């Protein structure tokens, strides 16, 4: 178990959206949405499973921008 780092998630979302001119503006709200979804799917103890967080990030990006989702899958899903 390790502490959650919002900036790490934010950076991965930003990197995946770099092809968009509004990447800096959308990365924060997308990250917040992903965190909220992951917290909703987590047990009451506040522990977020990394695989759940990665899955939520990928699903959010699939709904938002397919190219960003493909980038996230290629560069960030393989690391976990």
PDB file of N, CA and C in Angstrom:
ATOM      1  N   UNK A   1       0.845  -1.163   0.000  1.00  0.00           N
ATOM      2  CA  UNK A   1       0.000   0.000   0.000  1.00  0.00           C
ATOM      3  C   UNK A   1       0.899   1.239   0.000  1.00  0.00           C
ATOM      4  N   UNK A   2       0.496   2.233  -0.785  1.00  0.00           N
ATOM      5  CA  UNK A   2       1.241   3.489  -0.831  1.00  0.00           C
ATOM      6  C   UNK A   2       0.263   4.650  -0.886  1.00  0.00           C
ATOM      7  N   UNK A   3       0.695   5.830  -0.466  1.00  0.00           N
ATOM      8  CA  UNK A   3      -0.210   6.982  -0.458  1.00  0.00           C
ATOM      9  C   UNK A   3      -0.647   7.366  -1.869  1.00  0.00           C
ATOM     10  N   UNK A   4      -1.873   7.853  -1.948  1.00  0.00           N
ATOM     11  CA  UNK A   4      -2.415   8.302  -3.224  1.00  0.00           C
ATOM     12  C   UNK A   4      -1.785   9.636  -3.606  1.00  0.00           C
ATOM     13  N   UNK A   5      -1.394   9.763  -4.865  1.00  0.00           N
ATOM     14  CA  UNK A   5      -0.804  10.998  -5.368  1.00  0.00           C
ATOM     15  C   UNK A   5      -1.674  11.532  -6.504  1.00  0.00           C
ATOM     16  N   UNK A   6      -2.485  12.552  -6.194  1.00  0.00           N
ATOM     17  CA  UNK A   6      -3.359  13.133  -7.210  1.00  0.00           C
ATOM     18  C   UNK A   6      -2.538  13.664  -8.381  1.00  0.00           C
ATOM     19  N   UNK A   7      -1.391  14.256  -8.096  1.00  0.00           N
ATOM     20  CA  UNK A   7      -0.561  14.822  -9.159  1.00  0.00           C
ATOM     21  C   UNK A   7      -0.092  13.762 -10.150  1.00  0.00           C
ATOM     22  N   UNK A   8       0.128  12.576  -9.673  1.00  0.00           N
ATOM     23  CA  UNK A   8       0.544  11.483 -10.559  1.00  0.00           C
ATOM     24  C   UNK A   8      -0.582  11.126 -11.537  1.00  0.00           C
ATOM     25  N   UNK A   9      -1.801  11.066 -11.016  1.00  0.00           N
ATOM     26  CA  UNK A   9      -2.962  10.822 -11.871  1.00  0.00           C
ATOM     27  C   UNK A   9      -3.149  11.981 -12.844  1.00  0.00           C
ATOM     28  N   UNK A  10      -3.085  13.198 -12.328  1.00  0.00           N
ATOM     29  CA  UNK A  10      -3.252  14.389 -13.156  1.00  0.00           C
ATOM     30  C   UNK A  10      -2.241  14.413 -14.295  1.00  0.00           C
ATOM     31  N   UNK A  11      -1.006  14.088 -14.007  1.00  0.00           N
ATOM     32  CA  UNK A  11       0.042  14.067 -15.031  1.00  0.00           C
ATOM     33  C   UNK A  11      -0.245  13.017 -16.100  1.00  0.00           C
ATOM     34  N   UNK A  12      -0.705  11.850 -15.690  1.00  0.00           N
ATOM     35  CA  UNK A  12      -1.000  10.801 -16.673  1.00  0.00           C
ATOM     36  C   UNK A  12      -2.175  11.199 -17.564  1.00  0.00           C
ATOM     37  N   UNK A  13      -3.163  11.857 -16.982  1.00  0.00           N
ATOM     38  CA  UNK A  13      -4.302  12.323 -17.775  1.00  0.00           C
ATOM     39  C   UNK A  13      -3.870  13.439 -18.715  1.00  0.00           C
ATOM     40  N   UNK A  14      -3.096  14.370 -18.204  1.00  0.00           N
ATOM     41  CA  UNK A  14      -2.587  15.466 -19.049  1.00  0.00           C
ATOM     42  C   UNK A  14      -1.753  14.913 -20.212  1.00  0.00           C
ATOM     43  N   UNK A  15      -0.843  14.000 -19.913  1.00  0.00           N
ATOM     44  CA  UNK A  15      -0.011  13.404 -20.973  1.00  0.00           C
ATOM     45  C   UNK A  15      -0.863  12.713 -22.033  1.00  0.00           C
ATOM     46  N   UNK A  16      -1.918  12.062 -21.604  1.00  0.00           N
ATOM     47  CA  UNK A  16      -2.786  11.358 -22.549  1.00  0.00           C
ATOM     48  C   UNK A  16      -3.626  12.314 -23.391  1.00  0.00           C
ATOM     49  N   UNK A  17      -3.813  13.511 -22.902  1.00  0.00           N
ATOM     50  CA  UNK A  17      -4.627  14.507 -23.618  1.00  0.00           C
ATOM     51  C   UNK A  17      -3.785  15.564 -24.330  1.00  0.00           C
ATOM     52  N   UNK A  18      -2.478  15.398 -24.365  1.00  0.00           N
ATOM     53  CA  UNK A  18      -1.593  16.408 -24.949  1.00  0.00           C
ATOM     54  C   UNK A  18      -1.912  16.755 -26.397  1.00  0.00           C
ATOM     55  N   UNK A  19      -2.530  15.855 -27.111  1.00  0.00           N
ATOM     56  CA  UNK A  19      -2.865  16.123 -28.512  1.00  0.00           C
ATOM     57  C   UNK A  19      -3.979  17.164 -28.638  1.00  0.00           C
ATOM     58  N   UNK A  20      -4.644  17.449 -27.532  1.00  0.00           N
ATOM     59  CA  UNK A  20      -5.752  18.402 -27.523  1.00  0.00           C
ATOM     60  C   UNK A  20      -5.250  19.795 -27.145  1.00  0.00           C
ATOM     61  N   UNK A  21      -5.773  20.832 -27.777  1.00  0.00           N
ATOM     62  CA  UNK A  21      -5.340  22.187 -27.411  1.00  0.00           C
ATOM     63  C   UNK A  21      -5.792  22.588 -26.002  1.00  0.00           C
ATOM     64  N   UNK A  22      -6.801  21.905 -25.462  1.00  0.00           N
ATOM     65  CA  UNK A  22      -7.309  22.232 -24.135  1.00  0.00           C
ATOM     66  C   UNK A  22      -6.850  21.245 -23.062  1.00  0.00           C
ATOM     67  N   UNK A  23      -5.745  20.566 -23.294  1.00  0.00           N
ATOM     68  CA  UNK A  23      -5.267  19.528 -22.369  1.00  0.00           C
ATOM     69  C   UNK A  23      -5.125  20.037 -20.942  1.00  0.00           C
ATOM     70  N   UNK A  24      -4.563  21.225 -20.779  1.00  0.00           N
ATOM     71  CA  UNK A  24      -4.349  21.771 -19.438  1.00  0.00           C
ATOM     72  C   UNK A  24      -5.679  22.068 -18.736  1.00  0.00           C
ATOM     73  N   UNK A  25      -6.679  22.439 -19.502  1.00  0.00           N
ATOM     74  CA  UNK A  25      -7.971  22.773 -18.908  1.00  0.00           C
ATOM     75  C   UNK A  25      -8.810  21.537 -18.565  1.00  0.00           C
ATOM     76  N   UNK A  26      -8.648  20.457 -19.305  1.00  0.00           N
ATOM     77  CA  UNK A  26      -9.497  19.278 -19.077  1.00  0.00           C
ATOM     78  C   UNK A  26      -8.877  18.258 -18.124  1.00  0.00           C
ATOM     79  N   UNK A  27      -7.579  18.294 -17.940  1.00  0.00           N
ATOM     80  CA  UNK A  27      -6.910  17.281 -17.116  1.00  0.00           C
ATOM     81  C   UNK A  27      -7.375  17.324 -15.655  1.00  0.00           C
ATOM     82  N   UNK A  28      -7.512  18.504 -15.103  1.00  0.00           N
ATOM     83  CA  UNK A  28      -7.933  18.638 -13.703  1.00  0.00           C
ATOM     84  C   UNK A  28      -9.344  18.115 -13.460  1.00  0.00           C
ATOM     85  N   UNK A  29     -10.340  18.612 -14.213  1.00  0.00           N
ATOM     86  CA  UNK A  29     -11.695  18.094 -14.016  1.00  0.00           C
ATOM     87  C   UNK A  29     -11.826  16.595 -14.297  1.00  0.00           C
ATOM     88  N   UNK A  30     -11.121  16.094 -15.300  1.00  0.00           N
ATOM     89  CA  UNK A  30     -11.153  14.653 -15.561  1.00  0.00           C
ATOM     90  C   UNK A  30     -10.581  13.880 -14.373  1.00  0.00           C
ATOM     91  N   UNK A  31      -9.472  14.356 -13.836  1.00  0.00           N
ATOM     92  CA  UNK A  31      -8.849  13.700 -12.677  1.00  0.00           C
ATOM     93  C   UNK A  31      -9.801  13.695 -11.484  1.00  0.00           C
ATOM     94  N   UNK A  32     -10.474  14.823 -11.252  1.00  0.00           N
ATOM     95  CA  UNK A  32     -11.431  14.903 -10.139  1.00  0.00           C
ATOM     96  C   UNK A  32     -12.573  13.905 -10.322  1.00  0.00           C
ATOM     97  N   UNK A  33     -13.071  13.787 -11.541  1.00  0.00           N
ATOM     98  CA  UNK A  33     -14.135  12.835 -11.841  1.00  0.00           C
ATOM     99  C   UNK A  33     -13.669  11.403 -11.590  1.00  0.00           C
ATOM    100  N   UNK A  34     -12.466  11.095 -12.036  1.00  0.00           N
ATOM    101  CA  UNK A  34     -11.902   9.751 -11.852  1.00  0.00           C
ATOM    102  C   UNK A  34     -11.757   9.433 -10.370  1.00  0.00           C
ATOM    103  N   UNK A  35     -11.263  10.376  -9.600  1.00  0.00           N
ATOM    104  CA  UNK A  35     -11.092  10.170  -8.159  1.00  0.00           C
ATOM    105  C   UNK A  35     -12.440   9.926  -7.488  1.00  0.00           C
ATOM    106  N   UNK A  36     -13.443  10.730  -7.842  1.00  0.00           N
ATOM    107  CA  UNK A  36     -14.774  10.549  -7.256  1.00  0.00           C
ATOM    108  C   UNK A  36     -15.350   9.171  -7.576  1.00  0.00           C
ATOM    109  N   UNK A  37     -15.196   8.742  -8.825  1.00  0.00           N
ATOM    110  CA  UNK A  37     -15.691   7.418  -9.221  1.00  0.00           C
ATOM    111  C   UNK A  37     -14.961   6.322  -8.461  1.00  0.00           C
ATOM    112  N   UNK A  38     -13.647   6.463  -8.321  1.00  0.00           N
ATOM    113  CA  UNK A  38     -12.858   5.448  -7.617  1.00  0.00           C
ATOM    114  C   UNK A  38     -13.227   5.408  -6.137  1.00  0.00           C
ATOM    115  N   UNK A  39     -13.457   6.558  -5.535  1.00  0.00           N
ATOM    116  CA  UNK A  39     -13.846   6.592  -4.121  1.00  0.00           C
ATOM    117  C   UNK A  39     -15.223   5.965  -3.922  1.00  0.00           C
ATOM    118  N   UNK A  40     -16.111   6.151  -4.884  1.00  0.00           N
ATOM    119  CA  UNK A  40     -17.446   5.565  -4.806  1.00  0.00           C
ATOM    120  C   UNK A  40     -17.368   4.042  -4.860  1.00  0.00           C
ATOM    121  N   UNK A  41     -16.417   3.521  -5.624  1.00  0.00           N
ATOM    122  CA  UNK A  41     -16.274   2.075  -5.763  1.00  0.00           C
ATOM    123  C   UNK A  41     -15.367   1.443  -4.728  1.00  0.00           C
ATOM    124  N   UNK A  42     -14.842   2.246  -3.797  1.00  0.00           N
ATOM    125  CA  UNK A  42     -13.917   1.741  -2.779  1.00  0.00           C
ATOM    126  C   UNK A  42     -14.656   1.418  -1.484  1.00  0.00           C
ATOM    127  N   UNK A  43     -14.059   0.553  -0.671  1.00  0.00           N
ATOM    128  CA  UNK A  43     -14.660   0.270   0.628  1.00  0.00           C
ATOM    129  C   UNK A  43     -14.645   1.515   1.520  1.00  0.00           C
ATOM    130  N   UNK A  44     -15.369   1.462   2.601  1.00  0.00           N
ATOM    131  CA  UNK A  44     -15.515   2.597   3.514  1.00  0.00           C
ATOM    132  C   UNK A  44     -14.202   3.019   4.179  1.00  0.00           C
ATOM    133  N   UNK A  45     -13.179   2.185   4.120  1.00  0.00           N
ATOM    134  CA  UNK A  45     -11.924   2.524   4.793  1.00  0.00           C
ATOM    135  C   UNK A  45     -11.093   3.551   4.020  1.00  0.00           C
ATOM    136  N   UNK A  46     -11.559   3.965   2.854  1.00  0.00           N
ATOM    137  CA  UNK A  46     -10.870   5.011   2.099  1.00  0.00           C
ATOM    138  C   UNK A  46      -9.693   4.527   1.278  1.00  0.00           C
ATOM    139  N   UNK A  47      -9.456   3.251   1.233  1.00  0.00           N
ATOM    140  CA  UNK A  47      -8.354   2.706   0.446  1.00  0.00           C
ATOM    141  C   UNK A  47      -8.837   2.522  -0.995  1.00  0.00           C
ATOM    142  N   UNK A  48      -8.085   3.095  -1.934  1.00  0.00           N
ATOM    143  CA  UNK A  48      -8.420   2.970  -3.351  1.00  0.00           C
ATOM    144  C   UNK A  48      -7.473   1.958  -3.970  1.00  0.00           C
ATOM    145  N   UNK A  49      -8.018   0.897  -4.500  1.00  0.00           N
ATOM    146  CA  UNK A  49      -7.206  -0.108  -5.175  1.00  0.00           C
ATOM    147  C   UNK A  49      -6.678   0.485  -6.482  1.00  0.00           C
ATOM    148  N   UNK A  50      -5.393   0.341  -6.747  1.00  0.00           N
ATOM    149  CA  UNK A  50      -4.756   0.920  -7.925  1.00  0.00           C
ATOM    150  C   UNK A  50      -5.404   0.419  -9.213  1.00  0.00           C
ATOM    151  N   UNK A  51      -5.791  -0.839  -9.242  1.00  0.00           N
ATOM    152  CA  UNK A  51      -6.414  -1.367 -10.458  1.00  0.00           C
ATOM    153  C   UNK A  51      -7.770  -0.716 -10.708  1.00  0.00           C
ATOM    154  N   UNK A  52      -8.501  -0.398  -9.645  1.00  0.00           N
ATOM    155  CA  UNK A  52      -9.773   0.309  -9.788  1.00  0.00           C
ATOM    156  C   UNK A  52      -9.543   1.728 -10.308  1.00  0.00           C
ATOM    157  N   UNK A  53      -8.551   2.401  -9.775  1.00  0.00           N
ATOM    158  CA  UNK A  53      -8.235   3.761 -10.216  1.00  0.00           C
ATOM    159  C   UNK A  53      -7.832   3.782 -11.690  1.00  0.00           C
ATOM    160  N   UNK A  54      -7.013   2.848 -12.084  1.00  0.00           N
ATOM    161  CA  UNK A  54      -6.573   2.758 -13.484  1.00  0.00           C
ATOM    162  C   UNK A  54      -7.761   2.449 -14.390  1.00  0.00           C
ATOM    163  N   UNK A  55      -8.601   1.548 -13.967  1.00  0.00           N
ATOM    164  CA  UNK A  55      -9.780   1.208 -14.753  1.00  0.00           C
ATOM    165  C   UNK A  55     -10.715   2.408 -14.889  1.00  0.00           C
ATOM    166  N   UNK A  56     -10.942   3.125 -13.806  1.00  0.00           N
ATOM    167  CA  UNK A  56     -11.804   4.316 -13.846  1.00  0.00           C
ATOM    168  C   UNK A  56     -11.209   5.384 -14.760  1.00  0.00           C
ATOM    169  N   UNK A  57      -9.896   5.555 -14.711  1.00  0.00           N
ATOM    170  CA  UNK A  57      -9.231   6.538 -15.575  1.00  0.00           C
ATOM    171  C   UNK A  57      -9.416   6.161 -17.040  1.00  0.00           C
ATOM    172  N   UNK A  58      -9.211   4.907 -17.339  1.00  0.00           N
ATOM    173  CA  UNK A  58      -9.346   4.453 -18.720  1.00  0.00           C
ATOM    174  C   UNK A  58     -10.786   4.611 -19.210  1.00  0.00           C
ATOM    175  N   UNK A  59     -11.755   4.243 -18.381  1.00  0.00           N
ATOM    176  CA  UNK A  59     -13.162   4.379 -18.759  1.00  0.00           C
ATOM    177  C   UNK A  59     -13.549   5.837 -18.981  1.00  0.00           C
ATOM    178  N   UNK A  60     -13.076   6.714 -18.112  1.00  0.00           N
ATOM    179  CA  UNK A  60     -13.379   8.147 -18.266  1.00  0.00           C
ATOM    180  C   UNK A  60     -12.787   8.676 -19.567  1.00  0.00           C
ATOM    181  N   UNK A  61     -11.566   8.265 -19.869  1.00  0.00           N
ATOM    182  CA  UNK A  61     -10.948   8.722 -21.110  1.00  0.00           C
ATOM    183  C   UNK A  61     -11.629   8.131 -22.335  1.00  0.00           C
ATOM    184  N   UNK A  62     -12.097   6.895 -22.254  1.00  0.00           N
ATOM    185  CA  UNK A  62     -12.850   6.310 -23.367  1.00  0.00           C
ATOM    186  C   UNK A  62     -14.104   7.122 -23.671  1.00  0.00           C
ATOM    187  N   UNK A  63     -14.777   7.581 -22.616  1.00  0.00           N
ATOM    188  CA  UNK A  63     -15.983   8.384 -22.806  1.00  0.00           C
ATOM    189  C   UNK A  63     -15.653   9.784 -23.326  1.00  0.00           C
ATOM    190  N   UNK A  64     -14.462  10.284 -22.984  1.00  0.00           N
ATOM    191  CA  UNK A  64     -14.095  11.658 -23.317  1.00  0.00           C
ATOM    192  C   UNK A  64     -13.383  11.791 -24.658  1.00  0.00           C
ATOM    193  N   UNK A  65     -12.381  10.931 -24.890  1.00  0.00           N
ATOM    194  CA  UNK A  65     -11.545  11.080 -26.088  1.00  0.00           C
ATOM    195  C   UNK A  65     -10.840   9.748 -26.347  1.00  0.00           C
ATOM    196  N   UNK A  66     -11.205   9.085 -27.423  1.00  0.00           N
ATOM    197  CA  UNK A  66     -10.671   7.758 -27.715  1.00  0.00           C
ATOM    198  C   UNK A  66      -9.150   7.754 -27.881  1.00  0.00           C
ATOM    199  N   UNK A  67      -8.613   8.784 -28.516  1.00  0.00           N
ATOM    200  CA  UNK A  67      -7.165   8.863 -28.697  1.00  0.00           C
ATOM    201  C   UNK A  67      -6.459   8.950 -27.336  1.00  0.00           C
ATOM    202  N   UNK A  68      -7.005   9.741 -26.437  1.00  0.00           N
ATOM    203  CA  UNK A  68      -6.427   9.859 -25.092  1.00  0.00           C
ATOM    204  C   UNK A  68      -6.494   8.516 -24.362  1.00  0.00           C
ATOM    205  N   UNK A  69      -7.608   7.804 -24.527  1.00  0.00           N
ATOM    206  CA  UNK A  69      -7.751   6.492 -23.886  1.00  0.00           C
ATOM    207  C   UNK A  69      -6.725   5.503 -24.423  1.00  0.00           C
ATOM    208  N   UNK A  70      -6.488   5.533 -25.721  1.00  0.00           N
ATOM    209  CA  UNK A  70      -5.488   4.638 -26.315  1.00  0.00           C
ATOM    210  C   UNK A  70      -4.094   4.966 -25.800  1.00  0.00           C
ATOM    211  N   UNK A  71      -3.791   6.244 -25.684  1.00  0.00           N
ATOM    212  CA  UNK A  71      -2.487   6.666 -25.151  1.00  0.00           C
ATOM    213  C   UNK A  71      -2.342   6.204 -23.701  1.00  0.00           C
ATOM    214  N   UNK A  72      -3.369   6.421 -22.902  1.00  0.00           N
ATOM    215  CA  UNK A  72      -3.343   6.015 -21.496  1.00  0.00           C
ATOM    216  C   UNK A  72      -3.119   4.509 -21.380  1.00  0.00           C
ATOM    217  N   UNK A  73      -3.828   3.764 -22.188  1.00  0.00           N
ATOM    218  CA  UNK A  73      -3.684   2.306 -22.155  1.00  0.00           C
ATOM    219  C   UNK A  73      -2.262   1.890 -22.506  1.00  0.00           C
ATOM    220  N   UNK A  74      -1.684   2.503 -23.522  1.00  0.00           N
ATOM    221  CA  UNK A  74      -0.347   2.125 -23.978  1.00  0.00           C
ATOM    222  C   UNK A  74       0.747   2.512 -22.988  1.00  0.00           C
ATOM    223  N   UNK A  75       0.609   3.664 -22.355  1.00  0.00           N
ATOM    224  CA  UNK A  75       1.707   4.179 -21.539  1.00  0.00           C
ATOM    225  C   UNK A  75       1.509   4.044 -20.033  1.00  0.00           C
ATOM    226  N   UNK A  76       0.290   3.957 -19.554  1.00  0.00           N
ATOM    227  CA  UNK A  76       0.089   3.978 -18.124  1.00  0.00           C
ATOM    228  C   UNK A  76      -0.550   2.711 -17.564  1.00  0.00           C
ATOM    229  N   UNK A  77      -1.319   1.988 -18.349  1.00  0.00           N
ATOM    230  CA  UNK A  77      -1.937   0.773 -17.848  1.00  0.00           C
ATOM    231  C   UNK A  77      -0.918  -0.364 -17.735  1.00  0.00           C
ATOM    232  N   UNK A  78       0.111  -0.334 -18.511  1.00  0.00           N
ATOM    233  CA  UNK A  78       1.125  -1.403 -18.483  1.00  0.00           C
ATOM    234  C   UNK A  78       2.021  -1.311 -17.264  1.00  0.00           C
ATOM    235  N   UNK A  79       2.076  -0.131 -16.638  1.00  0.00           N
ATOM    236  CA  UNK A  79       2.979   0.086 -15.500  1.00  0.00           C
ATOM    237  C   UNK A  79       2.473  -0.524 -14.206  1.00  0.00           C
ATOM    238  N   UNK A  80       1.153  -0.682 -14.111  1.00  0.00           N
ATOM    239  CA  UNK A  80       0.586  -1.132 -12.829  1.00  0.00           C
ATOM    240  C   UNK A  80       0.731  -2.621 -12.640  1.00  0.00           C
TER     241      UNK A  80
END
